[in-house]
Amino acid sequence: MGSGANPLVPAQWEVLVGGMGFLIIALLIHAVIALAYNRLVSGPERLGLLAACLLLPVVGPAATLLLLHRLKRGARGGTAVGSLPGRLRPGQETAAGSHSSERAESMVACPSTRVPW
């Protein structure tokens, strides 16, 4: 028997790599769940963000979470930094002076039906 390290005890690099893998998987799961429960993203956008999450292990979920955060902040009436161009918040008027859609009008008419976030 040699005086080497015990092969049953993981080395430092094995613990580090395992921890990084766990964090990447946790970030992916968090991004997919947040994407599934978000109502501000359309079907094709959701599919594209899901593909980005699966194809780009760290950048995809991080970008998805950042985008969802900015959309949520913009829908809450946040500052111009949080609003994305081209998106109208419920009740926000277009350049012509009319509401953007029937859905937005119904949300303005009955504010109790709005999502709290």
PDB file of N, CA and C in Angstrom:
ATOM      1  N   MET A   1       0.836  -1.175   0.000  1.00  0.00           N
ATOM      2  CA  MET A   1       0.000   0.000   0.000  1.00  0.00           C
ATOM      3  C   MET A   1       0.881   1.238   0.000  1.00  0.00           C
ATOM      4  N   GLY A   2       0.563   2.164  -0.890  1.00  0.00           N
ATOM      5  CA  GLY A   2       1.302   3.411  -0.952  1.00  0.00           C
ATOM      6  C   GLY A   2       0.716   4.432   0.011  1.00  0.00           C
ATOM      7  N   SER A   3       1.403   5.515   0.180  1.00  0.00           N
ATOM      8  CA  SER A   3       0.942   6.559   1.088  1.00  0.00           C
ATOM      9  C   SER A   3       0.168   7.656   0.332  1.00  0.00           C
ATOM     10  N   GLY A   4      -0.459   7.310  -0.808  1.00  0.00           N
ATOM     11  CA  GLY A   4      -1.217   8.273  -1.616  1.00  0.00           C
ATOM     12  C   GLY A   4      -2.543   8.626  -0.963  1.00  0.00           C
ATOM     13  N   ALA A   5      -3.267   9.477  -1.631  1.00  0.00           N
ATOM     14  CA  ALA A   5      -4.569   9.921  -1.126  1.00  0.00           C
ATOM     15  C   ALA A   5      -5.582   8.784  -1.210  1.00  0.00           C
ATOM     16  N   ASN A   6      -6.554   8.837  -0.356  1.00  0.00           N
ATOM     17  CA  ASN A   6      -7.609   7.842  -0.337  1.00  0.00           C
ATOM     18  C   ASN A   6      -8.483   8.022  -1.574  1.00  0.00           C
ATOM     19  N   PRO A   7      -8.643   6.987  -2.408  1.00  0.00           N
ATOM     20  CA  PRO A   7      -9.427   7.146  -3.637  1.00  0.00           C
ATOM     21  C   PRO A   7     -10.932   7.291  -3.380  1.00  0.00           C
ATOM     22  N   LEU A   8     -11.386   6.993  -2.172  1.00  0.00           N
ATOM     23  CA  LEU A   8     -12.804   7.120  -1.872  1.00  0.00           C
ATOM     24  C   LEU A   8     -13.199   8.546  -1.483  1.00  0.00           C
ATOM     25  N   VAL A   9     -12.239   9.368  -1.125  1.00  0.00           N
ATOM     26  CA  VAL A   9     -12.498  10.751  -0.750  1.00  0.00           C
ATOM     27  C   VAL A   9     -12.285  11.620  -1.989  1.00  0.00           C
ATOM     28  N   PRO A  10     -13.298  12.424  -2.373  1.00  0.00           N
ATOM     29  CA  PRO A  10     -13.136  13.245  -3.579  1.00  0.00           C
ATOM     30  C   PRO A  10     -12.073  14.328  -3.392  1.00  0.00           C
ATOM     31  N   ALA A  11     -11.376  14.622  -4.467  1.00  0.00           N
ATOM     32  CA  ALA A  11     -10.375  15.688  -4.451  1.00  0.00           C
ATOM     33  C   ALA A  11     -11.080  17.045  -4.507  1.00  0.00           C
ATOM     34  N   GLN A  12     -10.307  18.101  -4.271  1.00  0.00           N
ATOM     35  CA  GLN A  12     -10.881  19.447  -4.271  1.00  0.00           C
ATOM     36  C   GLN A  12     -11.494  19.804  -5.620  1.00  0.00           C
ATOM     37  N   TRP A  13     -10.824  19.465  -6.700  1.00  0.00           N
ATOM     38  CA  TRP A  13     -11.335  19.822  -8.011  1.00  0.00           C
ATOM     39  C   TRP A  13     -12.628  19.073  -8.317  1.00  0.00           C
ATOM     40  N   GLU A  14     -12.782  17.868  -7.817  1.00  0.00           N
ATOM     41  CA  GLU A  14     -14.022  17.117  -8.041  1.00  0.00           C
ATOM     42  C   GLU A  14     -15.200  17.769  -7.315  1.00  0.00           C
ATOM     43  N   VAL A  15     -14.963  18.253  -6.119  1.00  0.00           N
ATOM     44  CA  VAL A  15     -16.007  18.946  -5.367  1.00  0.00           C
ATOM     45  C   VAL A  15     -16.353  20.258  -6.067  1.00  0.00           C
ATOM     46  N   LEU A  16     -15.357  20.981  -6.557  1.00  0.00           N
ATOM     47  CA  LEU A  16     -15.572  22.246  -7.251  1.00  0.00           C
ATOM     48  C   LEU A  16     -16.381  22.044  -8.535  1.00  0.00           C
ATOM     49  N   VAL A  17     -16.013  21.052  -9.325  1.00  0.00           N
ATOM     50  CA  VAL A  17     -16.722  20.783 -10.571  1.00  0.00           C
ATOM     51  C   VAL A  17     -18.156  20.325 -10.282  1.00  0.00           C
ATOM     52  N   GLY A  18     -18.336  19.515  -9.272  1.00  0.00           N
ATOM     53  CA  GLY A  18     -19.676  19.084  -8.894  1.00  0.00           C
ATOM     54  C   GLY A  18     -20.541  20.243  -8.430  1.00  0.00           C
ATOM     55  N   GLY A  19     -19.965  21.151  -7.662  1.00  0.00           N
ATOM     56  CA  GLY A  19     -20.700  22.332  -7.202  1.00  0.00           C
ATOM     57  C   GLY A  19     -21.080  23.244  -8.348  1.00  0.00           C
ATOM     58  N   MET A  20     -20.161  23.416  -9.307  1.00  0.00           N
ATOM     59  CA  MET A  20     -20.473  24.249 -10.473  1.00  0.00           C
ATOM     60  C   MET A  20     -21.587  23.617 -11.302  1.00  0.00           C
ATOM     61  N   GLY A  21     -21.543  22.314 -11.457  1.00  0.00           N
ATOM     62  CA  GLY A  21     -22.607  21.622 -12.185  1.00  0.00           C
ATOM     63  C   GLY A  21     -23.948  21.780 -11.498  1.00  0.00           C
ATOM     64  N   PHE A  22     -23.954  21.672 -10.174  1.00  0.00           N
ATOM     65  CA  PHE A  22     -25.185  21.852  -9.406  1.00  0.00           C
ATOM     66  C   PHE A  22     -25.731  23.260  -9.588  1.00  0.00           C
ATOM     67  N   LEU A  23     -24.865  24.273  -9.559  1.00  0.00           N
ATOM     68  CA  LEU A  23     -25.314  25.658  -9.736  1.00  0.00           C
ATOM     69  C   LEU A  23     -25.864  25.913 -11.137  1.00  0.00           C
ATOM     70  N   ILE A  24     -25.241  25.321 -12.139  1.00  0.00           N
ATOM     71  CA  ILE A  24     -25.713  25.491 -13.514  1.00  0.00           C
ATOM     72  C   ILE A  24     -27.091  24.858 -13.680  1.00  0.00           C
ATOM     73  N   ILE A  25     -27.277  23.658 -13.126  1.00  0.00           N
ATOM     74  CA  ILE A  25     -28.574  22.986 -13.217  1.00  0.00           C
ATOM     75  C   ILE A  25     -29.638  23.755 -12.432  1.00  0.00           C
ATOM     76  N   ALA A  26     -29.278  24.285 -11.258  1.00  0.00           N
ATOM     77  CA  ALA A  26     -30.231  25.061 -10.463  1.00  0.00           C
ATOM     78  C   ALA A  26     -30.630  26.339 -11.203  1.00  0.00           C
ATOM     79  N   LEU A  27     -29.688  27.002 -11.860  1.00  0.00           N
ATOM     80  CA  LEU A  27     -29.979  28.208 -12.645  1.00  0.00           C
ATOM     81  C   LEU A  27     -30.906  27.869 -13.813  1.00  0.00           C
ATOM     82  N   LEU A  28     -30.658  26.753 -14.477  1.00  0.00           N
ATOM     83  CA  LEU A  28     -31.495  26.319 -15.590  1.00  0.00           C
ATOM     84  C   LEU A  28     -32.923  26.034 -15.125  1.00  0.00           C
ATOM     85  N   ILE A  29     -33.064  25.318 -14.026  1.00  0.00           N
ATOM     86  CA  ILE A  29     -34.389  24.993 -13.505  1.00  0.00           C
ATOM     87  C   ILE A  29     -35.136  26.264 -13.110  1.00  0.00           C
ATOM     88  N   HIS A  30     -34.447  27.177 -12.458  1.00  0.00           N
ATOM     89  CA  HIS A  30     -35.070  28.438 -12.055  1.00  0.00           C
ATOM     90  C   HIS A  30     -35.544  29.230 -13.276  1.00  0.00           C
ATOM     91  N   ALA A  31     -34.726  29.292 -14.313  1.00  0.00           N
ATOM     92  CA  ALA A  31     -35.091  30.041 -15.522  1.00  0.00           C
ATOM     93  C   ALA A  31     -36.274  29.400 -16.232  1.00  0.00           C
ATOM     94  N   VAL A  32     -36.306  28.084 -16.318  1.00  0.00           N
ATOM     95  CA  VAL A  32     -37.404  27.400 -17.008  1.00  0.00           C
ATOM     96  C   VAL A  32     -38.713  27.577 -16.236  1.00  0.00           C
ATOM     97  N   ILE A  33     -38.662  27.481 -14.911  1.00  0.00           N
ATOM     98  CA  ILE A  33     -39.873  27.671 -14.109  1.00  0.00           C
ATOM     99  C   ILE A  33     -40.359  29.117 -14.201  1.00  0.00           C
ATOM    100  N   ALA A  34     -39.441  30.077 -14.135  1.00  0.00           N
ATOM    101  CA  ALA A  34     -39.833  31.488 -14.261  1.00  0.00           C
ATOM    102  C   ALA A  34     -40.427  31.755 -15.637  1.00  0.00           C
ATOM    103  N   LEU A  35     -39.884  31.132 -16.657  1.00  0.00           N
ATOM    104  CA  LEU A  35     -40.394  31.294 -18.017  1.00  0.00           C
ATOM    105  C   LEU A  35     -41.785  30.673 -18.149  1.00  0.00           C
ATOM    106  N   ALA A  36     -42.004  29.549 -17.501  1.00  0.00           N
ATOM    107  CA  ALA A  36     -43.303  28.875 -17.591  1.00  0.00           C
ATOM    108  C   ALA A  36     -44.407  29.690 -16.920  1.00  0.00           C
ATOM    109  N   TYR A  37     -44.103  30.372 -15.837  1.00  0.00           N
ATOM    110  CA  TYR A  37     -45.112  31.111 -15.095  1.00  0.00           C
ATOM    111  C   TYR A  37     -45.270  32.562 -15.528  1.00  0.00           C
ATOM    112  N   ASN A  38     -44.460  33.034 -16.456  1.00  0.00           N
ATOM    113  CA  ASN A  38     -44.532  34.426 -16.886  1.00  0.00           C
ATOM    114  C   ASN A  38     -45.605  34.586 -17.950  1.00  0.00           C
ATOM    115  N   ARG A  39     -46.497  35.562 -17.770  1.00  0.00           N
ATOM    116  CA  ARG A  39     -47.584  35.801 -18.715  1.00  0.00           C
ATOM    117  C   ARG A  39     -47.262  36.918 -19.700  1.00  0.00           C
ATOM    118  N   LEU A  40     -46.132  37.544 -19.567  1.00  0.00           N
ATOM    119  CA  LEU A  40     -45.785  38.662 -20.439  1.00  0.00           C
ATOM    120  C   LEU A  40     -45.049  38.231 -21.702  1.00  0.00           C
ATOM    121  N   VAL A  41     -44.730  36.949 -21.809  1.00  0.00           N
ATOM    122  CA  VAL A  41     -43.960  36.442 -22.941  1.00  0.00           C
ATOM    123  C   VAL A  41     -44.889  35.630 -23.831  1.00  0.00           C
ATOM    124  N   SER A  42     -44.834  35.860 -25.138  1.00  0.00           N
ATOM    125  CA  SER A  42     -45.675  35.124 -26.077  1.00  0.00           C
ATOM    126  C   SER A  42     -45.107  33.728 -26.321  1.00  0.00           C
ATOM    127  N   GLY A  43     -45.852  32.917 -27.042  1.00  0.00           N
ATOM    128  CA  GLY A  43     -45.442  31.538 -27.307  1.00  0.00           C
ATOM    129  C   GLY A  43     -44.118  31.415 -28.055  1.00  0.00           C
ATOM    130  N   PRO A  44     -43.958  32.097 -29.192  1.00  0.00           N
ATOM    131  CA  PRO A  44     -42.685  32.000 -29.912  1.00  0.00           C
ATOM    132  C   PRO A  44     -41.495  32.555 -29.115  1.00  0.00           C
ATOM    133  N   GLU A  45     -41.731  33.636 -28.357  1.00  0.00           N
ATOM    134  CA  GLU A  45     -40.652  34.175 -27.516  1.00  0.00           C
ATOM    135  C   GLU A  45     -40.263  33.166 -26.447  1.00  0.00           C
ATOM    136  N   ARG A  46     -41.274  32.523 -25.869  1.00  0.00           N
ATOM    137  CA  ARG A  46     -41.028  31.526 -24.833  1.00  0.00           C
ATOM    138  C   ARG A  46     -40.213  30.358 -25.389  1.00  0.00           C
ATOM    139  N   LEU A  47     -40.573  29.917 -26.599  1.00  0.00           N
ATOM    140  CA  LEU A  47     -39.853  28.811 -27.223  1.00  0.00           C
ATOM    141  C   LEU A  47     -38.403  29.199 -27.517  1.00  0.00           C
ATOM    142  N   GLY A  48     -38.201  30.415 -27.999  1.00  0.00           N
ATOM    143  CA  GLY A  48     -36.837  30.872 -28.274  1.00  0.00           C
ATOM    144  C   GLY A  48     -35.999  30.996 -27.013  1.00  0.00           C
ATOM    145  N   LEU A  49     -36.593  31.513 -25.941  1.00  0.00           N
ATOM    146  CA  LEU A  49     -35.861  31.629 -24.677  1.00  0.00           C
ATOM    147  C   LEU A  49     -35.563  30.253 -24.085  1.00  0.00           C
ATOM    148  N   LEU A  50     -36.497  29.320 -24.241  1.00  0.00           N
ATOM    149  CA  LEU A  50     -36.256  27.965 -23.759  1.00  0.00           C
ATOM    150  C   LEU A  50     -35.120  27.308 -24.532  1.00  0.00           C
ATOM    151  N   ALA A  51     -35.099  27.529 -25.853  1.00  0.00           N
ATOM    152  CA  ALA A  51     -34.002  26.991 -26.666  1.00  0.00           C
ATOM    153  C   ALA A  51     -32.667  27.608 -26.251  1.00  0.00           C
ATOM    154  N   ALA A  52     -32.663  28.905 -25.965  1.00  0.00           N
ATOM    155  CA  ALA A  52     -31.434  29.564 -25.511  1.00  0.00           C
ATOM    156  C   ALA A  52     -30.982  28.986 -24.174  1.00  0.00           C
ATOM    157  N   CYS A  53     -31.942  28.707 -23.290  1.00  0.00           N
ATOM    158  CA  CYS A  53     -31.594  28.123 -21.983  1.00  0.00           C
ATOM    159  C   CYS A  53     -30.950  26.751 -22.144  1.00  0.00           C
ATOM    160  N   LEU A  54     -31.472  25.962 -23.073  1.00  0.00           N
ATOM    161  CA  LEU A  54     -30.959  24.599 -23.227  1.00  0.00           C
ATOM    162  C   LEU A  54     -29.655  24.546 -24.015  1.00  0.00           C
ATOM    163  N   LEU A  55     -29.487  25.463 -24.974  1.00  0.00           N
ATOM    164  CA  LEU A  55     -28.296  25.418 -25.818  1.00  0.00           C
ATOM    165  C   LEU A  55     -27.103  26.170 -25.234  1.00  0.00           C
ATOM    166  N   LEU A  56     -27.364  27.182 -24.429  1.00  0.00           N
ATOM    167  CA  LEU A  56     -26.289  27.965 -23.812  1.00  0.00           C
ATOM    168  C   LEU A  56     -26.392  27.789 -22.297  1.00  0.00           C
ATOM    169  N   PRO A  57     -25.596  26.910 -21.714  1.00  0.00           N
ATOM    170  CA  PRO A  57     -25.797  26.487 -20.325  1.00  0.00           C
ATOM    171  C   PRO A  57     -25.824  27.598 -19.276  1.00  0.00           C
ATOM    172  N   VAL A  58     -24.992  28.595 -19.357  1.00  0.00           N
ATOM    173  CA  VAL A  58     -24.975  29.632 -18.334  1.00  0.00           C
ATOM    174  C   VAL A  58     -25.566  30.933 -18.875  1.00  0.00           C
ATOM    175  N   VAL A  59     -25.195  31.299 -20.083  1.00  0.00           N
ATOM    176  CA  VAL A  59     -25.625  32.562 -20.670  1.00  0.00           C
ATOM    177  C   VAL A  59     -27.127  32.553 -20.952  1.00  0.00           C
ATOM    178  N   GLY A  60     -27.657  31.435 -21.437  1.00  0.00           N
ATOM    179  CA  GLY A  60     -29.074  31.335 -21.760  1.00  0.00           C
ATOM    180  C   GLY A  60     -29.984  31.573 -20.562  1.00  0.00           C
ATOM    181  N   PRO A  61     -29.832  30.813 -19.470  1.00  0.00           N
ATOM    182  CA  PRO A  61     -30.679  31.060 -18.299  1.00  0.00           C
ATOM    183  C   PRO A  61     -30.472  32.447 -17.686  1.00  0.00           C
ATOM    184  N   ALA A  62     -29.236  32.930 -17.669  1.00  0.00           N
ATOM    185  CA  ALA A  62     -28.986  34.262 -17.102  1.00  0.00           C
ATOM    186  C   ALA A  62     -29.666  35.339 -17.942  1.00  0.00           C
ATOM    187  N   ALA A  63     -29.580  35.235 -19.270  1.00  0.00           N
ATOM    188  CA  ALA A  63     -30.233  36.211 -20.143  1.00  0.00           C
ATOM    189  C   ALA A  63     -31.749  36.114 -20.033  1.00  0.00           C
ATOM    190  N   THR A  64     -32.268  34.900 -19.904  1.00  0.00           N
ATOM    191  CA  THR A  64     -33.713  34.714 -19.754  1.00  0.00           C
ATOM    192  C   THR A  64     -34.210  35.351 -18.471  1.00  0.00           C
ATOM    193  N   LEU A  65     -33.517  35.116 -17.372  1.00  0.00           N
ATOM    194  CA  LEU A  65     -33.932  35.703 -16.099  1.00  0.00           C
ATOM    195  C   LEU A  65     -33.832  37.229 -16.134  1.00  0.00           C
ATOM    196  N   LEU A  66     -32.801  37.752 -16.770  1.00  0.00           N
ATOM    197  CA  LEU A  66     -32.656  39.207 -16.893  1.00  0.00           C
ATOM    198  C   LEU A  66     -33.787  39.796 -17.730  1.00  0.00           C
ATOM    199  N   LEU A  67     -34.113  39.157 -18.851  1.00  0.00           N
ATOM    200  CA  LEU A  67     -35.184  39.642 -19.706  1.00  0.00           C
ATOM    201  C   LEU A  67     -36.531  39.574 -18.989  1.00  0.00           C
ATOM    202  N   LEU A  68     -36.801  38.476 -18.295  1.00  0.00           N
ATOM    203  CA  LEU A  68     -38.067  38.357 -17.570  1.00  0.00           C
ATOM    204  C   LEU A  68     -38.164  39.397 -16.461  1.00  0.00           C
ATOM    205  N   HIS A  69     -37.052  39.671 -15.810  1.00  0.00           N
ATOM    206  CA  HIS A  69     -37.047  40.697 -14.771  1.00  0.00           C
ATOM    207  C   HIS A  69     -37.361  42.071 -15.356  1.00  0.00           C
ATOM    208  N   ARG A  70     -36.755  42.379 -16.499  1.00  0.00           N
ATOM    209  CA  ARG A  70     -37.004  43.674 -17.144  1.00  0.00           C
ATOM    210  C   ARG A  70     -38.435  43.788 -17.636  1.00  0.00           C
ATOM    211  N   LEU A  71     -39.003  42.688 -18.171  1.00  0.00           N
ATOM    212  CA  LEU A  71     -40.397  42.718 -18.616  1.00  0.00           C
ATOM    213  C   LEU A  71     -41.338  42.915 -17.440  1.00  0.00           C
ATOM    214  N   LYS A  72     -41.069  42.231 -16.344  1.00  0.00           N
ATOM    215  CA  LYS A  72     -41.917  42.363 -15.164  1.00  0.00           C
ATOM    216  C   LYS A  72     -41.832  43.771 -14.599  1.00  0.00           C
ATOM    217  N   ARG A  73     -40.641  44.319 -14.579  1.00  0.00           N
ATOM    218  CA  ARG A  73     -40.449  45.676 -14.071  1.00  0.00           C
ATOM    219  C   ARG A  73     -41.136  46.694 -14.972  1.00  0.00           C
ATOM    220  N   GLY A  74     -41.089  46.478 -16.274  1.00  0.00           N
ATOM    221  CA  GLY A  74     -41.758  47.373 -17.207  1.00  0.00           C
ATOM    222  C   GLY A  74     -43.268  47.280 -17.106  1.00  0.00           C
ATOM    223  N   ALA A  75     -43.801  46.088 -16.856  1.00  0.00           N
ATOM    224  CA  ALA A  75     -45.247  45.910 -16.736  1.00  0.00           C
ATOM    225  C   ALA A  75     -45.777  46.541 -15.458  1.00  0.00           C
ATOM    226  N   ARG A  76     -44.928  46.637 -14.447  1.00  0.00           N
ATOM    227  CA  ARG A  76     -45.331  47.254 -13.183  1.00  0.00           C
ATOM    228  C   ARG A  76     -45.326  48.765 -13.257  1.00  0.00           C
ATOM    229  N   GLY A  77     -44.872  49.312 -14.376  1.00  0.00           N
ATOM    230  CA  GLY A  77     -44.804  50.767 -14.491  1.00  0.00           C
ATOM    231  C   GLY A  77     -43.470  51.300 -14.016  1.00  0.00           C
ATOM    232  N   GLY A  78     -42.424  50.523 -14.238  1.00  0.00           N
ATOM    233  CA  GLY A  78     -41.090  50.930 -13.814  1.00  0.00           C
ATOM    234  C   GLY A  78     -40.561  52.070 -14.655  1.00  0.00           C
ATOM    235  N   THR A  79     -39.325  52.398 -14.443  1.00  0.00           N
ATOM    236  CA  THR A  79     -38.709  53.501 -15.165  1.00  0.00           C
ATOM    237  C   THR A  79     -38.460  53.112 -16.611  1.00  0.00           C
ATOM    238  N   ALA A  80     -38.013  54.062 -17.395  1.00  0.00           N
ATOM    239  CA  ALA A  80     -37.746  53.810 -18.805  1.00  0.00           C
ATOM    240  C   ALA A  80     -36.635  52.793 -18.994  1.00  0.00           C
ATOM    241  N   VAL A  81     -35.755  52.672 -18.022  1.00  0.00           N
ATOM    242  CA  VAL A  81     -34.671  51.697 -18.138  1.00  0.00           C
ATOM    243  C   VAL A  81     -35.236  50.285 -18.111  1.00  0.00           C
ATOM    244  N   GLY A  82     -36.276  50.053 -17.305  1.00  0.00           N
ATOM    245  CA  GLY A  82     -36.860  48.725 -17.192  1.00  0.00           C
ATOM    246  C   GLY A  82     -37.823  48.391 -18.306  1.00  0.00           C
ATOM    247  N   SER A  83     -38.284  49.381 -19.053  1.00  0.00           N
ATOM    248  CA  SER A  83     -39.241  49.138 -20.121  1.00  0.00           C
ATOM    249  C   SER A  83     -38.505  48.771 -21.397  1.00  0.00           C
ATOM    250  N   LEU A  84     -39.044  47.802 -22.088  1.00  0.00           N
ATOM    251  CA  LEU A  84     -38.468  47.423 -23.360  1.00  0.00           C
ATOM    252  C   LEU A  84     -39.213  48.145 -24.476  1.00  0.00           C
ATOM    253  N   PRO A  85     -38.523  48.622 -25.506  1.00  0.00           N
ATOM    254  CA  PRO A  85     -39.196  49.330 -26.583  1.00  0.00           C
ATOM    255  C   PRO A  85     -40.127  48.394 -27.346  1.00  0.00           C
ATOM    256  N   GLY A  86     -41.255  48.935 -27.787  1.00  0.00           N
ATOM    257  CA  GLY A  86     -42.181  48.140 -28.570  1.00  0.00           C
ATOM    258  C   GLY A  86     -43.230  47.430 -27.744  1.00  0.00           C
ATOM    259  N   ARG A  87     -43.147  47.470 -26.439  1.00  0.00           N
ATOM    260  CA  ARG A  87     -44.124  46.805 -25.578  1.00  0.00           C
ATOM    261  C   ARG A  87     -44.980  47.862 -24.892  1.00  0.00           C
ATOM    262  N   LEU A  88     -46.284  47.655 -24.905  1.00  0.00           N
ATOM    263  CA  LEU A  88     -47.193  48.554 -24.209  1.00  0.00           C
ATOM    264  C   LEU A  88     -47.686  47.879 -22.946  1.00  0.00           C
ATOM    265  N   ARG A  89     -47.694  48.629 -21.877  1.00  0.00           N
ATOM    266  CA  ARG A  89     -48.249  48.112 -20.637  1.00  0.00           C
ATOM    267  C   ARG A  89     -49.762  48.172 -20.712  1.00  0.00           C
ATOM    268  N   PRO A  90     -50.467  47.332 -19.946  1.00  0.00           N
ATOM    269  CA  PRO A  90     -51.922  47.405 -19.943  1.00  0.00           C
ATOM    270  C   PRO A  90     -52.379  48.805 -19.546  1.00  0.00           C
ATOM    271  N   GLY A  91     -53.254  49.382 -20.357  1.00  0.00           N
ATOM    272  CA  GLY A  91     -53.755  50.717 -20.092  1.00  0.00           C
ATOM    273  C   GLY A  91     -52.940  51.824 -20.729  1.00  0.00           C
ATOM    274  N   GLN A  92     -51.763  51.503 -21.245  1.00  0.00           N
ATOM    275  CA  GLN A  92     -50.934  52.518 -21.889  1.00  0.00           C
ATOM    276  C   GLN A  92     -51.504  52.784 -23.274  1.00  0.00           C
ATOM    277  N   GLU A  93     -51.527  54.037 -23.672  1.00  0.00           N
ATOM    278  CA  GLU A  93     -52.119  54.390 -24.946  1.00  0.00           C
ATOM    279  C   GLU A  93     -51.081  54.367 -26.048  1.00  0.00           C
ATOM    280  N   THR A  94     -51.545  54.058 -27.249  1.00  0.00           N
ATOM    281  CA  THR A  94     -50.670  54.084 -28.414  1.00  0.00           C
ATOM    282  C   THR A  94     -50.540  55.516 -28.895  1.00  0.00           C
ATOM    283  N   ALA A  95     -49.776  55.709 -29.957  1.00  0.00           N
ATOM    284  CA  ALA A  95     -49.581  57.056 -30.496  1.00  0.00           C
ATOM    285  C   ALA A  95     -50.885  57.632 -31.032  1.00  0.00           C
ATOM    286  N   ALA A  96     -51.801  56.766 -31.494  1.00  0.00           N
ATOM    287  CA  ALA A  96     -53.074  57.231 -32.035  1.00  0.00           C
ATOM    288  C   ALA A  96     -54.041  57.643 -30.931  1.00  0.00           C
ATOM    289  N   GLY A  97     -53.753  57.311 -29.692  1.00  0.00           N
ATOM    290  CA  GLY A  97     -54.602  57.702 -28.585  1.00  0.00           C
ATOM    291  C   GLY A  97     -55.581  56.631 -28.153  1.00  0.00           C
ATOM    292  N   SER A  98     -55.560  55.475 -28.770  1.00  0.00           N
ATOM    293  CA  SER A  98     -56.463  54.396 -28.370  1.00  0.00           C
ATOM    294  C   SER A  98     -55.683  53.361 -27.580  1.00  0.00           C
ATOM    295  N   HIS A  99     -56.391  52.531 -26.857  1.00  0.00           N
ATOM    296  CA  HIS A  99     -55.722  51.482 -26.096  1.00  0.00           C
ATOM    297  C   HIS A  99     -55.169  50.447 -27.051  1.00  0.00           C
ATOM    298  N   SER A 100     -54.166  49.717 -26.591  1.00  0.00           N
ATOM    299  CA  SER A 100     -53.468  48.796 -27.470  1.00  0.00           C
ATOM    300  C   SER A 100     -54.307  47.597 -27.865  1.00  0.00           C
ATOM    301  N   SER A 101     -55.198  47.128 -27.014  1.00  0.00           N
ATOM    302  CA  SER A 101     -55.996  45.957 -27.348  1.00  0.00           C
ATOM    303  C   SER A 101     -57.199  45.884 -26.419  1.00  0.00           C
ATOM    304  N   GLU A 102     -58.097  44.958 -26.733  1.00  0.00           N
ATOM    305  CA  GLU A 102     -59.256  44.753 -25.874  1.00  0.00           C
ATOM    306  C   GLU A 102     -58.826  44.277 -24.495  1.00  0.00           C
ATOM    307  N   ARG A 103     -57.812  43.442 -24.464  1.00  0.00           N
ATOM    308  CA  ARG A 103     -57.324  42.908 -23.195  1.00  0.00           C
ATOM    309  C   ARG A 103     -56.832  44.032 -22.285  1.00  0.00           C
ATOM    310  N   ALA A 104     -56.124  44.978 -22.865  1.00  0.00           N
ATOM    311  CA  ALA A 104     -55.636  46.102 -22.066  1.00  0.00           C
ATOM    312  C   ALA A 104     -56.798  46.945 -21.556  1.00  0.00           C
ATOM    313  N   GLU A 105     -57.825  47.134 -22.395  1.00  0.00           N
ATOM    314  CA  GLU A 105     -58.979  47.909 -21.962  1.00  0.00           C
ATOM    315  C   GLU A 105     -59.706  47.219 -20.819  1.00  0.00           C
ATOM    316  N   SER A 106     -59.832  45.892 -20.920  1.00  0.00           N
ATOM    317  CA  SER A 106     -60.529  45.185 -19.855  1.00  0.00           C
ATOM    318  C   SER A 106     -59.727  45.223 -18.563  1.00  0.00           C
ATOM    319  N   MET A 107     -58.405  45.236 -18.659  1.00  0.00           N
ATOM    320  CA  MET A 107     -57.585  45.297 -17.455  1.00  0.00           C
ATOM    321  C   MET A 107     -57.671  46.671 -16.809  1.00  0.00           C
ATOM    322  N   VAL A 108     -57.861  47.713 -17.623  1.00  0.00           N
ATOM    323  CA  VAL A 108     -57.995  49.049 -17.073  1.00  0.00           C
ATOM    324  C   VAL A 108     -59.374  49.207 -16.435  1.00  0.00           C
ATOM    325  N   ALA A 109     -60.389  48.630 -17.098  1.00  0.00           N
ATOM    326  CA  ALA A 109     -61.750  48.774 -16.584  1.00  0.00           C
ATOM    327  C   ALA A 109     -61.948  48.036 -15.258  1.00  0.00           C
ATOM    328  N   CYS A 110     -61.244  46.944 -15.072  1.00  0.00           N
ATOM    329  CA  CYS A 110     -61.404  46.156 -13.850  1.00  0.00           C
ATOM    330  C   CYS A 110     -60.016  45.885 -13.250  1.00  0.00           C
ATOM    331  N   PRO A 111     -59.475  46.827 -12.482  1.00  0.00           N
ATOM    332  CA  PRO A 111     -58.101  46.674 -11.997  1.00  0.00           C
ATOM    333  C   PRO A 111     -57.925  45.516 -11.019  1.00  0.00           C
ATOM    334  N   SER A 112     -59.007  44.981 -10.457  1.00  0.00           N
ATOM    335  CA  SER A 112     -58.850  43.886  -9.498  1.00  0.00           C
ATOM    336  C   SER A 112     -58.429  42.597 -10.176  1.00  0.00           C
ATOM    337  N   THR A 113     -58.574  42.501 -11.516  1.00  0.00           N
ATOM    338  CA  THR A 113     -58.201  41.281 -12.225  1.00  0.00           C
ATOM    339  C   THR A 113     -56.738  41.286 -12.636  1.00  0.00           C
ATOM    340  N   ARG A 114     -56.033  42.358 -12.370  1.00  0.00           N
ATOM    341  CA  ARG A 114     -54.637  42.421 -12.764  1.00  0.00           C
ATOM    342  C   ARG A 114     -53.781  41.495 -11.916  1.00  0.00           C
ATOM    343  N   VAL A 115     -52.748  40.982 -12.526  1.00  0.00           N
ATOM    344  CA  VAL A 115     -51.805  40.120 -11.825  1.00  0.00           C
ATOM    345  C   VAL A 115     -51.013  40.991 -10.850  1.00  0.00           C
ATOM    346  N   PRO A 116     -50.802  40.553  -9.607  1.00  0.00           N
ATOM    347  CA  PRO A 116     -50.163  41.412  -8.619  1.00  0.00           C
ATOM    348  C   PRO A 116     -48.710  41.741  -8.890  1.00  0.00           C
ATOM    349  N   TRP A 117     -48.047  41.027  -9.752  1.00  0.00           N
ATOM    350  CA  TRP A 117     -46.650  41.352  -9.995  1.00  0.00           C
ATOM    351  C   TRP A 117     -46.579  42.214 -11.185  1.00  0.00           C
TER     352      TRP A 117
END
